[in-house]
Amino acid sequence: MKQLAIILLACSILLGLVACGKVPENDQSTLASTIASIFTSSTSIHSSSTNQVVPTSTPAPTRPELPTEYGVPCYVKAPDFTVYDSNGEAVKLSDFAGTPVVLNFWASWCGPCKREMPDFQEAYDTYGEQLQFMMVSRTDGTRETVDTASSFISSEGYTFPYFCDTDRVAATNYNITAIPQTFFIDADGYIVLWYYGMIYADQLQAGLDMLLS
C-alpha cells in the first residue's frame, strides 16, 4: 500500500501539468493515498520487480512491460459505478462484465480532453466491436452539464459511447479531481493500466494492446 501510494504520488506530480484541474500541491498526497485505498486492500501486495499490484490470492499474470513512463500498470478490481447514457438510461460498469472496457473521464471545457478525443474516435472505429468504450463526462451541473456535454459530442461528430456522471458516483469512486484520466479494464473487471493526464495515440494503442492480448 505504501509503495503504491508513492508511485501514484510521483505520477500525480509529474503528470498534473497535462491534466485540467491540476491538483493543488498540498492535496497531491491525499489524491495518491485515496486512489491507493480504493484500488488496493489489506490482502494486496506490491511487486517492485513487475510494478504490479495483485491480490495475494491471485498469481500475478504475465503482462507487457510498462509501455510509457506515464502509465501505471496494475491488477486491481475496478470500482463499479452508475452513469447515464445519451438517452438518459442508467448504465453500470458491471453491465459490461466479460468485455474489456476503456474508461475515460473528460469534460467539454477541458483542452487536453478535447485534444485526445480524435484518437479515441479512431480507436472506437477500429476496436468498437471488441471493446466497450465508456467516455464519461464529468457533469457537475455547473461547469459541465448534460446539455454542454451532448452538444459538444454532437458538434464534433463523435460516435463513441459517452455517458454523463450526473450523480458524481464515477468521479467519486475513482477520486477524479483532475481530467482527463483513462483506465484500461480487462474482461475480468481488473484495471490493468491507468493514465493520468492527456493520453497520446501511441499510449492509447499500448493500452488497447494490453486489453486485446
Foldseek 3Di string as FASTA:
>chain_A
DVVQLVVQLVLLVVALVQWALRDPPVCSSVLSVVLVPLFDDPQWDADPVQQEIDGPVDDDDDFDHQPDPQKRFYWGFQDKDWWAWLVRDIDIPCVQAQAKEKEKEDAPVIPLRVVQVVLVQVCCVVCVVRHAYEYEYADAPPPGHSVRRVVSCVVVVRDHIYTYPPVCGNCVSNVDSIDIKIFIAENNRTTGMIGHHRDDNVRVVSSVVRRVD
